């Protein structure tokens, strides 16, 4: 054992330069001291003491008494069969008095870039002058080097001055969260895309729960989101952060729907409208600086595949339903005369019908424009209601809340009208362009021709005549009577 060695006997251990003394109950050690008693082990940064039942090792030294192991700051010693560990190596093995048989284990470091997302900029002088630094690219998921070349600046002194300014500016921006690989004006643009999607879903859930949106709107929005999210995951266009939702990406998705999925131009425009609303919501919340859909144009779409029923087909419908299903005839007449939308029609109760005033009250809680309305009720409809005994039912019953379109206590879905009309259409041999909603088109056409488009507009609860005109086609388009008779100067 050399000058840094230690000796072990049955009762005490003496160690030079890092001396310690151990007796049966206590070990005293100077500058690198440790104390061990029968039940405790105290270890500081450079020493340890181990009692008869334990061995405590530190990176610097250890002391063992009564069959203990003593280790000096840069060496080790032990009796036969004891374990010895060398500092900063961490090798453990069975060694003899000569200290042979050590096993070494290399300690690995951790990259600074696992903690920091950038390196500080630095000037490079030589054949080419430039300032460079590393910055994390969230899209590629790795650190990338960014260079600013200074070769265009004349003079060494001027280059160094401009480099110093550039380094100071870049350093300040990096410490404030700037990322050279992301064109983001707000730090919220770095929000994870999946988190924003989850928040949007929760937002839609709350709107539905509070009645701010209808169930059809809720289902439609989530369906659009599901298709968009599925395209991102299957088309190799992963989006990590929300700022990556740019115009190019959204335009590619619309092209995919139109060209690959072969949807109509109208459906493609519906997807664009949803994207515009969704991105507008993200602009409102600060995730995007501007709406990327603004630069995407709508396509010219073909008119809806829906035709109004001519007078002879309306007569066939009345004759057919009068014999087979007069209650569904009432539903058809309500659509034709009142222009109430099918889903809104399922909300109408018997008590909402004012017989004396000949009108139906429509609550804004379920209308499309969220406003209360009063719709005129034609005397033909009232006579059919009286004949069917509608007004003998409780006022709280839904007009079409029972079986076979009878009044009842349960609210139905608007699809019951479409499904029944499909059966009628098949029985009458009509084309697919004749739909339940065609009855509204037919009613607006006939009322506009009989009483004027303004009357039809008010009955349909349209805010503008241009909306009413969209229900009219060809010869059904109305013109103002005043135009026919005004006196001109020619």
Protein backbone atom coordinates (compact mmCIF):
# COMPACT_ATOMS: atom_id res chain seq x y z
CA UNK A 1 0.00 0.00 0.00
CA UNK A 2 1.52 3.40 -1.03
CA UNK A 3 1.39 6.85 0.62
CA UNK A 4 -2.35 7.12 0.07
CA UNK A 5 -3.08 3.65 1.51
CA UNK A 6 -5.09 2.61 4.50
CA UNK A 7 -4.78 -0.22 6.95
CA UNK A 8 -7.52 -2.29 8.44
CA UNK A 9 -7.34 -4.35 11.59
CA UNK A 10 -9.95 -5.79 13.89
CA UNK A 11 -10.63 -2.58 15.76
CA UNK A 12 -9.22 0.50 14.00
CA UNK A 13 -8.31 1.96 10.71
CA UNK A 14 -5.74 4.68 10.16
CA UNK A 15 -5.55 6.58 6.95
CA UNK A 16 -2.93 9.20 6.06
CA UNK A 17 -3.64 12.50 4.19
CA UNK A 18 -7.38 11.81 4.48
CA UNK A 19 -7.13 10.20 7.92
CA UNK A 20 -9.99 8.76 9.80
CA UNK A 21 -10.36 6.72 12.89
CA UNK A 22 -12.96 4.12 13.48
CA UNK A 23 -13.66 2.38 16.71
CA UNK A 24 -16.45 0.05 17.64
CA UNK A 25 -19.01 2.83 17.67
CA UNK A 26 -17.58 5.88 15.98
CA UNK A 27 -15.40 7.08 13.15
CA UNK A 28 -13.92 10.54 13.09
CA UNK A 29 -12.62 11.99 9.94
CA UNK A 30 -11.14 15.42 9.28
CA UNK A 31 -11.50 17.44 6.06
CA UNK A 32 -13.35 14.64 4.34
CA UNK A 33 -14.90 13.20 7.53
CA UNK A 34 -17.74 10.79 7.95
CA UNK A 35 -19.24 9.11 10.94
CA UNK A 36 -20.79 5.74 11.20
CA UNK A 37 -22.47 4.20 14.21
CA UNK A 38 -24.22 0.90 14.60
CA UNK A 39 -27.46 2.03 13.01
CA UNK A 40 -26.71 5.04 10.83
CA UNK A 41 -24.57 5.99 7.96
CA UNK A 42 -23.59 9.57 7.29
CA UNK A 43 -22.03 10.39 4.01
CA UNK A 44 -20.68 13.70 2.76
CA UNK A 45 -19.32 14.61 -0.62
CA UNK A 46 -15.91 12.96 -0.27
CA UNK A 47 -16.17 10.34 2.47
CA UNK A 48 -18.30 7.56 3.81
CA UNK A 49 -18.22 5.14 6.66
CA UNK A 50 -19.70 1.73 6.71
CA UNK A 51 -20.58 -0.28 9.79
CA UNK A 52 -20.44 -4.00 10.25
CA UNK A 53 -23.56 -4.69 8.21
CA UNK A 54 -23.38 -2.09 5.43
CA UNK A 55 -20.96 -0.65 2.99
CA UNK A 56 -21.45 2.93 1.96
CA UNK A 57 -19.44 4.22 -0.93
CA UNK A 58 -19.00 7.74 -2.19
CA UNK A 59 -17.28 9.24 -5.20
CA UNK A 60 -14.34 10.26 -3.03
CA UNK A 61 -13.52 7.93 -0.13
CA UNK A 62 -14.84 5.34 2.22
CA UNK A 63 -13.85 3.95 5.57
CA UNK A 64 -14.62 0.52 6.83
CA UNK A 65 -13.93 -0.79 10.30
CA UNK A 66 -14.12 -4.33 11.67
CA UNK A 67 -14.28 -6.13 8.38
CA UNK A 68 -14.85 -2.86 6.59
CA UNK A 69 -13.67 -1.42 3.36
CA UNK A 70 -11.68 1.82 3.30
CA UNK A 71 -11.25 3.85 0.20
CA UNK A 72 -9.04 6.89 -0.20
CA UNK A 73 -9.75 9.83 -2.50
CA UNK A 74 -8.00 8.41 -5.54
CA UNK A 75 -7.27 4.80 -4.45
CA UNK A 76 -8.91 1.92 -2.74
CA UNK A 77 -7.94 -0.80 -0.28
CA UNK A 78 -9.79 -3.74 1.14
CA UNK A 79 -9.46 -7.01 2.84
CA UNK A 80 -10.05 -10.32 1.19
CA UNK A 81 -13.47 -10.68 -0.34
CA UNK A 82 -14.57 -7.06 0.17
CA UNK A 83 -15.98 -4.68 -2.48
CA UNK A 84 -14.02 -1.68 -3.57
CA UNK A 85 -15.20 1.24 -5.72
CA UNK A 86 -12.93 3.83 -7.28
CA UNK A 87 -14.11 7.46 -7.47
CA UNK A 88 -15.55 8.76 -10.77
CA UNK A 89 -15.24 5.28 -12.28
CA UNK A 90 -17.85 3.37 -10.37
CA UNK A 91 -16.21 -0.03 -10.86
CA UNK A 92 -17.24 -2.77 -8.50
CA UNK A 93 -15.54 -6.10 -8.15
CA UNK A 94 -14.14 -8.71 -5.88
CA UNK A 95 -10.57 -7.64 -5.17
CA UNK A 96 -7.70 -8.79 -3.07
CA UNK A 97 -5.14 -6.87 -1.06
CA UNK A 98 -3.34 -5.76 -4.21
CA UNK A 99 -6.46 -4.03 -5.51
CA UNK A 100 -6.65 -6.02 -8.73
CA UNK A 101 -9.77 -6.77 -10.72
CA UNK A 102 -11.42 -3.37 -11.17
CA UNK A 103 -14.24 -2.99 -13.71
CA UNK A 104 -14.89 0.38 -15.24
CA UNK A 105 -18.15 1.98 -16.48
CA UNK A 106 -18.10 5.11 -18.56
CA UNK A 107 -20.45 7.91 -17.57
CA UNK A 108 -22.35 9.50 -20.43
CA UNK A 109 -23.21 13.19 -20.76
CA UNK A 110 -26.44 14.86 -21.91
CA UNK A 111 -26.67 17.23 -24.89
CA UNK A 112 -27.41 20.84 -24.04
CA UNK A 113 -29.98 20.90 -26.87
CA UNK A 114 -32.20 18.51 -24.94
CA UNK A 115 -32.82 21.47 -22.60
CA UNK A 116 -32.39 24.51 -24.83
CA UNK A 117 -34.00 24.88 -28.28
CA UNK A 118 -31.26 27.10 -29.69
CA UNK A 119 -27.58 27.99 -29.52
CA UNK A 120 -26.24 31.52 -29.29
CA UNK A 121 -25.12 33.11 -32.58
CA UNK A 122 -21.42 33.31 -33.35
CA UNK A 123 -19.28 35.16 -35.90
CA UNK A 124 -17.05 33.17 -38.25
CA UNK A 125 -14.19 35.00 -39.98
CA UNK A 126 -12.25 33.55 -42.88
CA UNK A 127 -12.71 33.09 -46.58
CA UNK A 128 -16.43 33.53 -45.94
CA UNK A 129 -17.79 35.71 -43.16
CA UNK A 130 -21.07 34.70 -41.57
CA UNK A 131 -23.01 34.56 -38.32
CA UNK A 132 -24.66 31.24 -37.55
CA UNK A 133 -26.59 29.51 -34.80
CA UNK A 134 -28.65 26.38 -34.24
CA UNK A 135 -32.41 26.48 -33.77
CA UNK A 136 -34.98 23.73 -33.29
CA UNK A 137 -37.21 23.08 -36.30
CA UNK A 138 -40.57 21.84 -34.96
CA UNK A 139 -41.60 20.41 -38.33
CA UNK A 140 -38.50 18.24 -38.86
CA UNK A 141 -38.08 17.62 -35.12
CA UNK A 142 -34.35 18.43 -35.01
CA UNK A 143 -31.84 21.28 -34.63
CA UNK A 144 -31.01 23.11 -37.87
CA UNK A 145 -28.27 25.63 -38.61
CA UNK A 146 -29.20 29.14 -39.69
CA UNK A 147 -26.59 31.37 -41.41
CA UNK A 148 -26.47 35.09 -42.14
CA UNK A 149 -23.70 35.88 -44.63
CA UNK A 150 -21.67 39.09 -44.32
CA UNK A 151 -19.55 38.89 -47.48
CA UNK A 152 -21.55 41.67 -49.07
CA UNK A 153 -20.35 44.18 -46.45
CA UNK A 154 -17.09 45.95 -47.31
CA UNK A 155 -14.32 46.33 -44.76
CA UNK A 156 -13.33 44.17 -41.82
CA UNK A 157 -14.24 46.80 -39.26
CA UNK A 158 -17.70 47.32 -40.74
CA UNK A 159 -18.32 43.58 -40.95
CA UNK A 160 -17.48 43.14 -37.26
CA UNK A 161 -19.69 46.04 -36.28
CA UNK A 162 -22.64 44.70 -38.25
CA UNK A 163 -21.98 41.20 -36.92
CA UNK A 164 -22.06 42.48 -33.34
CA UNK A 165 -25.40 44.19 -33.99
CA UNK A 166 -26.78 41.08 -35.65
CA UNK A 167 -25.65 38.80 -32.81
CA UNK A 168 -27.21 41.09 -30.20
CA UNK A 169 -30.51 41.26 -32.10
CA UNK A 170 -30.72 37.51 -32.74
CA UNK A 171 -29.82 36.69 -29.13
CA UNK A 172 -32.54 38.98 -27.78
CA UNK A 173 -35.16 37.53 -30.13
CA UNK A 174 -34.20 33.93 -29.35
CA UNK A 175 -34.53 34.56 -25.62
CA UNK A 176 -38.01 36.02 -26.21
CA UNK A 177 -39.18 32.79 -27.90
CA UNK A 178 -38.54 33.61 -31.55
CA UNK A 179 -37.97 30.68 -33.92
CA UNK A 180 -36.35 31.34 -37.29
CA UNK A 181 -37.99 28.25 -38.81
CA UNK A 182 -41.53 29.22 -37.84
CA UNK A 183 -43.36 32.22 -39.24
CA UNK A 184 -45.41 32.89 -36.13
CA UNK A 185 -46.41 36.30 -34.78
CA UNK A 186 -47.77 35.01 -31.48
CA UNK A 187 -46.44 32.41 -29.10
CA UNK A 188 -49.89 30.74 -29.18
CA UNK A 189 -49.05 29.63 -32.69
CA UNK A 190 -46.79 27.04 -31.06
CA UNK A 191 -49.78 25.39 -29.40
CA UNK A 192 -49.98 21.71 -30.27
CA UNK A 193 -52.48 21.01 -33.04
CA UNK A 194 -54.04 18.10 -31.11
CA UNK A 195 -54.64 20.38 -28.12
CA UNK A 196 -56.43 22.96 -30.28
CA UNK A 197 -58.59 20.23 -31.83
CA UNK A 198 -59.53 18.99 -28.36
CA UNK A 199 -60.43 22.53 -27.27
CA UNK A 200 -62.54 23.01 -30.42
CA UNK A 201 -64.45 19.81 -29.72
CA UNK A 202 -65.10 20.92 -26.14
CA UNK A 203 -66.25 24.30 -27.45
CA UNK A 204 -68.72 22.65 -29.84
CA UNK A 205 -70.00 20.42 -27.00
CA UNK A 206 -70.68 23.49 -24.87
CA UNK A 207 -72.44 25.33 -27.71
CA UNK A 208 -74.70 22.35 -28.29
CA UNK A 209 -75.42 21.95 -24.59
CA UNK A 210 -76.41 25.60 -24.20
CA UNK A 211 -78.53 25.56 -27.37
CA UNK A 212 -76.31 28.03 -29.24
CA UNK A 213 -76.09 25.66 -32.20
CA UNK A 214 -78.40 22.96 -33.50
CA UNK A 215 -77.63 19.26 -33.45
CA UNK A 216 -77.26 19.18 -37.24
CA UNK A 217 -74.67 21.98 -37.10
CA UNK A 218 -72.79 20.20 -34.33
CA UNK A 219 -72.69 16.91 -36.22
CA UNK A 220 -71.70 18.63 -39.44
CA UNK A 221 -68.78 20.52 -37.88
CA UNK A 222 -67.37 17.41 -36.22
CA UNK A 223 -67.81 15.42 -39.42
CA UNK A 224 -65.81 18.00 -41.39
CA UNK A 225 -63.13 17.98 -38.67
CA UNK A 226 -62.96 14.18 -38.70
CA UNK A 227 -62.40 14.09 -42.47
CA UNK A 228 -59.75 16.82 -42.32
CA UNK A 229 -57.92 15.17 -39.44
CA UNK A 230 -58.01 11.82 -41.22
CA UNK A 231 -56.53 13.35 -44.37
CA UNK A 232 -53.67 14.86 -42.38
CA UNK A 233 -52.74 11.50 -40.89
CA UNK A 234 -52.99 9.47 -44.10
CA UNK A 235 -51.60 11.92 -46.67
CA UNK A 236 -48.20 12.31 -45.01
CA UNK A 237 -48.86 15.90 -43.94
CA UNK A 238 -48.34 15.80 -40.18
CA UNK A 239 -49.22 18.99 -38.35
CA UNK A 240 -47.51 19.39 -34.99
CA UNK A 241 -48.21 23.04 -34.21
CA UNK A 242 -51.28 25.03 -35.12
CA UNK A 243 -49.34 27.70 -37.04
CA UNK A 244 -48.71 25.07 -39.74
CA UNK A 245 -52.35 25.40 -40.87
CA UNK A 246 -51.60 27.70 -43.79
CA UNK A 247 -53.36 28.44 -47.06
CA UNK A 248 -51.32 25.91 -49.07
CA UNK A 249 -52.18 23.06 -46.72
CA UNK A 250 -55.90 23.87 -46.61
CA UNK A 251 -56.03 24.30 -50.39
CA UNK A 252 -54.46 20.86 -50.82
CA UNK A 253 -57.16 19.36 -48.60
CA UNK A 254 -59.95 20.96 -50.64
CA UNK A 255 -58.32 19.69 -53.84
CA UNK A 256 -58.18 16.22 -52.31
CA UNK A 257 -61.90 16.31 -51.53
CA UNK A 258 -62.79 17.64 -54.99
CA UNK A 259 -60.41 15.58 -57.16
CA UNK A 260 -59.74 12.38 -55.19
CA UNK A 261 -62.91 11.95 -53.17
CA UNK A 262 -64.89 13.26 -56.18
CA UNK A 263 -67.30 15.39 -54.18
CA UNK A 264 -69.39 18.01 -55.95
CA UNK A 265 -68.35 21.65 -56.21
CA UNK A 266 -71.14 22.49 -53.75
CA UNK A 267 -69.82 20.01 -51.17
CA UNK A 268 -66.30 21.31 -51.68
CA UNK A 269 -67.61 24.82 -50.99
CA UNK A 270 -69.26 23.54 -47.84
CA UNK A 271 -65.88 22.27 -46.64
CA UNK A 272 -64.36 25.62 -47.45
CA UNK A 273 -67.08 27.38 -45.44
CA UNK A 274 -66.37 25.14 -42.47
CA UNK A 275 -62.61 25.74 -42.72
CA UNK A 276 -63.26 29.48 -42.84
CA UNK A 277 -65.35 29.31 -39.66
CA UNK A 278 -62.87 27.03 -37.88
CA UNK A 279 -59.85 29.19 -38.76
CA UNK A 280 -61.84 32.28 -37.82
CA UNK A 281 -62.37 30.73 -34.39
CA UNK A 282 -58.60 30.17 -34.10
CA UNK A 283 -57.93 33.78 -35.11
CA UNK A 284 -60.35 34.90 -32.40
CA UNK A 285 -58.52 32.79 -29.81
CA UNK A 286 -55.10 34.03 -30.91
CA UNK A 287 -53.78 30.79 -32.39
CA UNK A 288 -53.58 32.27 -35.91
CA UNK A 289 -52.73 35.83 -36.92
CA UNK A 290 -55.03 35.81 -39.96
CA UNK A 291 -57.51 33.51 -41.61
CA UNK A 292 -55.66 31.40 -44.22
CA UNK A 293 -58.92 30.58 -46.05
CA UNK A 294 -59.29 34.20 -47.21
CA UNK A 295 -57.17 33.47 -50.27
CA UNK A 296 -59.10 30.34 -51.30
CA UNK A 297 -61.95 30.99 -53.72
CA UNK A 298 -65.26 29.20 -53.92
CA UNK A 299 -66.07 27.16 -56.98
CA UNK A 300 -69.05 27.86 -59.14
CA UNK A 301 -71.52 25.19 -58.09
CA UNK A 302 -74.42 23.70 -59.94
CA UNK A 303 -77.89 24.41 -58.54
CA UNK A 304 -79.26 21.94 -56.02
CA UNK A 305 -80.88 18.85 -57.45
CA UNK A 306 -84.35 19.83 -56.36
CA UNK A 307 -87.32 20.83 -58.47
CA UNK A 308 -90.64 22.34 -57.54
CA UNK A 309 -93.71 20.19 -58.16
CA UNK A 310 -95.98 21.33 -60.98
CA UNK A 311 -99.70 21.83 -60.30
CA UNK A 312 -100.74 18.45 -61.73
CA UNK A 313 -98.28 16.57 -59.50
CA UNK A 314 -99.48 18.47 -56.44
CA UNK A 315 -103.01 17.30 -57.27
CA UNK A 316 -101.78 13.69 -57.57
CA UNK A 317 -100.08 13.99 -54.18
CA UNK A 318 -103.24 15.27 -52.51
CA UNK A 319 -105.38 12.52 -54.03
CA UNK A 320 -102.91 9.78 -53.06
CA UNK A 321 -102.42 10.89 -49.44
CA UNK A 322 -106.09 11.70 -48.79
CA UNK A 323 -106.89 8.03 -49.09
CA UNK A 324 -103.75 6.43 -47.62
CA UNK A 325 -102.21 8.80 -45.06
CA UNK A 326 -104.15 12.03 -44.34
CA UNK A 327 -101.85 12.85 -41.42
CA UNK A 328 -98.84 12.98 -43.71
CA UNK A 329 -100.95 15.06 -46.09
CA UNK A 330 -101.23 17.58 -43.25
CA UNK A 331 -97.42 17.63 -42.95
CA UNK A 332 -97.10 18.21 -46.69
CA UNK A 333 -99.64 21.03 -46.59
CA UNK A 334 -97.84 22.66 -43.66
CA UNK A 335 -94.62 22.65 -45.68
CA UNK A 336 -96.34 23.94 -48.82
CA UNK A 337 -98.35 26.75 -47.18
CA UNK A 338 -96.24 27.84 -44.19
CA UNK A 339 -92.67 27.30 -45.54
CA UNK A 340 -91.60 26.09 -42.09
CA UNK A 341 -88.39 24.05 -42.35
CA UNK A 342 -88.75 20.30 -41.68
CA UNK A 343 -86.67 20.33 -38.49
CA UNK A 344 -88.55 23.38 -37.21
CA UNK A 345 -91.83 21.65 -38.04
CA UNK A 346 -91.02 18.92 -35.51
CA UNK A 347 -90.92 21.58 -32.76
CA UNK A 348 -94.41 22.96 -33.45
CA UNK A 349 -96.93 22.09 -30.73
CA UNK A 350 -100.70 22.07 -30.94
CA UNK A 351 -100.78 25.05 -28.58
CA UNK A 352 -98.66 27.12 -31.01
CA UNK A 353 -101.55 27.22 -33.52
CA UNK A 354 -103.77 30.30 -33.22
CA UNK A 355 -106.99 29.38 -34.99
CA UNK A 356 -108.73 32.76 -34.69
CA UNK A 357 -105.69 34.68 -35.94
CA UNK A 358 -104.99 31.91 -38.48
CA UNK A 359 -101.28 31.76 -37.72
CA UNK A 360 -98.60 29.54 -36.22
CA UNK A 361 -96.13 30.87 -33.64
CA UNK A 362 -92.56 29.75 -34.25
CA UNK A 363 -90.15 30.08 -31.32
CA UNK A 364 -86.69 31.51 -31.88
CA UNK A 365 -85.17 28.76 -29.71
CA UNK A 366 -85.23 26.37 -32.67
CA UNK A 367 -85.44 28.58 -35.77
CA UNK A 368 -82.50 29.03 -38.12
CA UNK A 369 -82.20 32.78 -37.54
CA UNK A 370 -82.87 32.46 -33.76
CA UNK A 371 -85.78 34.90 -33.95
CA UNK A 372 -89.41 34.39 -33.04
CA UNK A 373 -91.81 34.41 -35.94
CA UNK A 374 -95.49 34.27 -36.82
CA UNK A 375 -96.45 32.38 -39.97
CA UNK A 376 -99.79 32.72 -41.71
CA UNK A 377 -101.95 29.58 -41.73
CA UNK A 378 -104.05 28.99 -44.82
CA UNK A 379 -107.74 28.18 -44.31
CA UNK A 380 -107.30 24.96 -46.29
CA UNK A 381 -104.85 23.71 -43.66
CA UNK A 382 -107.14 24.73 -40.79
CA UNK A 383 -110.08 22.82 -42.28
CA UNK A 384 -107.95 19.70 -42.55
CA UNK A 385 -106.83 20.09 -38.94
CA UNK A 386 -110.42 20.35 -37.78
CA UNK A 387 -111.41 17.29 -39.81
CA UNK A 388 -108.54 15.28 -38.28
CA UNK A 389 -109.36 16.41 -34.73
CA UNK A 390 -106.05 18.10 -34.09
CA UNK A 391 -107.50 20.63 -31.66
CA UNK A 392 -108.92 17.91 -29.42
CA UNK A 393 -105.34 16.94 -28.51
CA UNK A 394 -103.50 18.51 -25.52
CA UNK A 395 -101.88 21.84 -26.30
CA UNK A 396 -98.49 20.57 -25.11
CA UNK A 397 -98.40 17.75 -27.66
CA UNK A 398 -96.15 18.10 -30.68
CA UNK A 399 -98.15 18.44 -33.88
CA UNK A 400 -96.27 15.50 -35.39
CA UNK A 401 -95.07 13.84 -32.19
CA UNK A 402 -96.99 10.56 -32.39
CA UNK A 403 -97.19 7.54 -34.64
CA UNK A 404 -98.09 8.02 -38.32
CA UNK A 405 -97.59 11.79 -38.01
CA UNK A 406 -100.34 12.22 -35.42
CA UNK A 407 -99.99 14.61 -32.46
CA UNK A 408 -98.05 13.16 -29.55
CA UNK A 409 -95.82 13.97 -26.56
CA UNK A 410 -92.51 12.96 -28.16
CA UNK A 411 -90.48 15.22 -30.43
CA UNK A 412 -89.48 13.51 -33.65
CA UNK A 413 -86.54 14.02 -35.97
CA UNK A 414 -86.89 16.00 -39.18
CA UNK A 415 -85.85 12.96 -41.21
CA UNK A 416 -89.28 11.33 -40.70
CA UNK A 417 -90.69 13.65 -43.37
CA UNK A 418 -87.96 12.82 -45.87
CA UNK A 419 -88.22 9.08 -45.29
CA UNK A 420 -92.00 9.02 -45.74
CA UNK A 421 -91.79 11.24 -48.81
CA UNK A 422 -89.31 8.82 -50.38
CA UNK A 423 -91.92 6.06 -50.12
CA UNK A 424 -94.55 8.31 -51.63
CA UNK A 425 -92.20 9.36 -54.42
CA UNK A 426 -91.51 5.74 -55.28
CA UNK A 427 -95.23 4.91 -55.31
CA UNK A 428 -96.02 7.84 -57.62
CA UNK A 429 -93.04 7.18 -59.89
CA UNK A 430 -91.48 10.60 -59.39
CA UNK A 431 -87.83 11.49 -60.15
CA UNK A 432 -85.24 12.00 -57.41
CA UNK A 433 -85.45 15.76 -57.90
CA UNK A 434 -88.86 15.76 -56.21
CA UNK A 435 -88.18 15.96 -52.49
CA UNK A 436 -90.13 16.87 -49.38
CA UNK A 437 -88.42 20.27 -49.37
CA UNK A 438 -89.67 20.73 -52.94
CA UNK A 439 -93.05 21.50 -51.38
CA UNK A 440 -91.56 24.70 -49.95
CA UNK A 441 -90.19 25.63 -53.39
CA UNK A 442 -93.62 24.97 -54.88
CA UNK A 443 -95.39 27.04 -52.23
CA UNK A 444 -93.05 30.03 -52.61
CA UNK A 445 -93.49 29.90 -56.38
CA UNK A 446 -97.28 29.79 -56.23
CA UNK A 447 -97.59 32.47 -53.53
CA UNK A 448 -95.17 34.81 -55.33
CA UNK A 449 -97.10 34.46 -58.56
CA UNK A 450 -100.47 34.94 -56.83
CA UNK A 451 -99.73 37.68 -54.28
CA UNK A 452 -96.26 39.02 -55.11
CA UNK A 453 -92.72 38.17 -54.11
CA UNK A 454 -92.75 40.52 -51.10
CA UNK A 455 -95.62 38.54 -49.55
CA UNK A 456 -93.75 35.32 -50.25
CA UNK A 457 -90.60 36.78 -48.71
CA UNK A 458 -92.37 37.68 -45.47
CA UNK A 459 -94.15 34.33 -45.23
CA UNK A 460 -90.83 32.51 -45.74
CA UNK A 461 -89.22 34.77 -43.09
CA UNK A 462 -86.45 35.78 -45.46
CA UNK A 463 -84.42 38.89 -44.70
CA UNK A 464 -84.01 39.77 -48.37
CA UNK A 465 -85.86 39.19 -51.63
CA UNK A 466 -82.68 37.76 -53.18
CA UNK A 467 -83.01 34.83 -50.80
CA UNK A 468 -86.58 34.25 -51.90
CA UNK A 469 -85.57 34.43 -55.55
CA UNK A 470 -83.26 31.44 -55.08
CA UNK A 471 -86.36 29.29 -54.62
CA UNK A 472 -87.72 30.36 -57.99
CA UNK A 473 -86.63 29.00 -61.36
CA UNK A 474 -87.49 29.69 -64.98
CA UNK A 475 -91.07 30.80 -65.51
CA UNK A 476 -91.63 30.83 -61.75
CA UNK A 477 -89.42 33.92 -61.39
CA UNK A 478 -91.63 36.85 -60.43
CA UNK A 479 -91.54 40.40 -61.74
CA UNK A 480 -93.00 43.49 -60.09
CA UNK A 481 -96.43 44.48 -61.34
CA UNK A 482 -95.41 48.14 -61.18
CA UNK A 483 -92.88 47.54 -63.94
CA UNK A 484 -95.63 46.45 -66.30
CA UNK A 485 -97.73 49.62 -66.01
CA UNK A 486 -95.48 52.57 -65.20
CA UNK A 487 -95.53 55.50 -67.63
CA UNK A 488 -92.17 56.28 -69.16
CA UNK A 489 -90.96 59.16 -71.26
CA UNK A 490 -90.23 57.27 -74.45
